[in-house]
Protein backbone atom coordinates (compact mmCIF):
# COMPACT_ATOMS: atom_id res chain seq x y z
CA MET A 1 99.96 79.00 101.28
CA SER A 2 99.02 80.76 104.52
CA ASP A 3 101.36 83.14 106.27
CA PRO A 4 102.37 81.56 109.63
CA THR A 5 102.06 84.90 111.45
CA ARG A 6 98.52 85.42 110.20
CA LEU A 7 97.54 81.88 111.18
CA ARG A 8 99.05 82.33 114.65
CA ASP A 9 97.21 85.64 115.12
CA SER A 10 93.91 83.98 114.23
CA THR A 11 94.38 81.15 116.74
CA GLN A 12 95.55 82.97 119.85
CA ILE A 13 95.15 86.11 121.94
CA VAL A 14 97.87 87.29 124.35
CA LEU A 15 96.67 89.55 127.15
CA PRO A 16 97.79 90.72 130.58
CA ALA A 17 96.87 88.03 133.10
CA GLU A 18 94.93 90.48 135.25
CA ALA A 19 92.60 91.28 132.33
CA VAL A 20 91.59 87.63 132.01
CA GLU A 21 91.76 86.14 135.51
CA SER A 22 88.20 87.05 136.60
CA LEU A 23 86.76 86.00 133.23
CA GLU A 24 88.69 82.74 132.81
CA PRO A 25 85.98 80.48 134.32
CA GLN A 26 83.37 81.93 131.94
CA LEU A 27 85.73 81.70 128.98
CA THR A 28 86.64 78.06 129.50
CA GLU A 29 83.01 77.12 130.15
CA GLU A 30 81.57 78.91 127.11
CA PHE A 31 84.34 78.38 124.54
CA THR A 32 86.56 75.49 123.43
CA ILE A 33 89.87 77.16 124.29
CA THR A 34 92.95 76.74 126.42
CA VAL A 35 94.17 79.53 128.69
CA PHE A 36 97.92 79.15 129.10
CA PRO A 37 99.95 81.27 131.55
CA GLU A 38 102.78 83.12 129.82
CA GLY A 39 105.04 83.98 132.74
CA GLU A 40 103.57 85.92 135.65
CA ASN A 41 102.19 88.86 133.72
CA TYR A 42 100.55 87.48 130.58
CA CYS A 43 98.33 84.66 129.44
CA ARG A 44 97.75 83.15 126.03
CA ILE A 45 94.26 82.10 124.94
CA ILE A 46 94.52 79.42 122.26
CA GLY A 47 91.73 78.01 120.10
CA SER A 48 90.39 77.65 116.58
CA PRO A 49 90.02 80.81 114.50
CA VAL A 50 86.24 80.69 114.99
CA GLU A 51 86.57 80.36 118.77
CA ILE A 52 89.25 83.07 119.00
CA LYS A 53 87.03 85.49 117.07
CA ALA A 54 84.12 84.75 119.43
CA VAL A 55 86.39 85.10 122.49
CA GLY A 56 87.62 88.47 121.19
CA GLU A 57 84.02 89.67 120.86
CA PHE A 58 83.17 88.31 124.32
CA LEU A 59 86.13 90.14 125.86
CA ALA A 60 85.38 93.38 123.99
CA ARG A 61 81.79 93.36 125.30
CA ARG A 62 83.26 93.20 128.80
CA GLY A 63 85.64 96.10 128.24
CA VAL A 64 88.82 94.10 127.63
CA SER A 65 90.85 95.58 124.77
CA VAL A 66 91.96 92.83 122.38
CA PRO A 67 94.92 93.69 120.15
């Protein structure tokens, strides 16, 4: 059985909102994801494990550090 924490980590990325705001239109156009505001300072990017991996690579190529 899968560990819930591992599954959650493979289906979402939580980042400061300012790191994503200028890239959000590109992200939602290129990937099948949802960008969900998490308060005023953070946002949560949610998608399938395959999409989240691709989003992480996309963000890293643009200098955004993905935990």
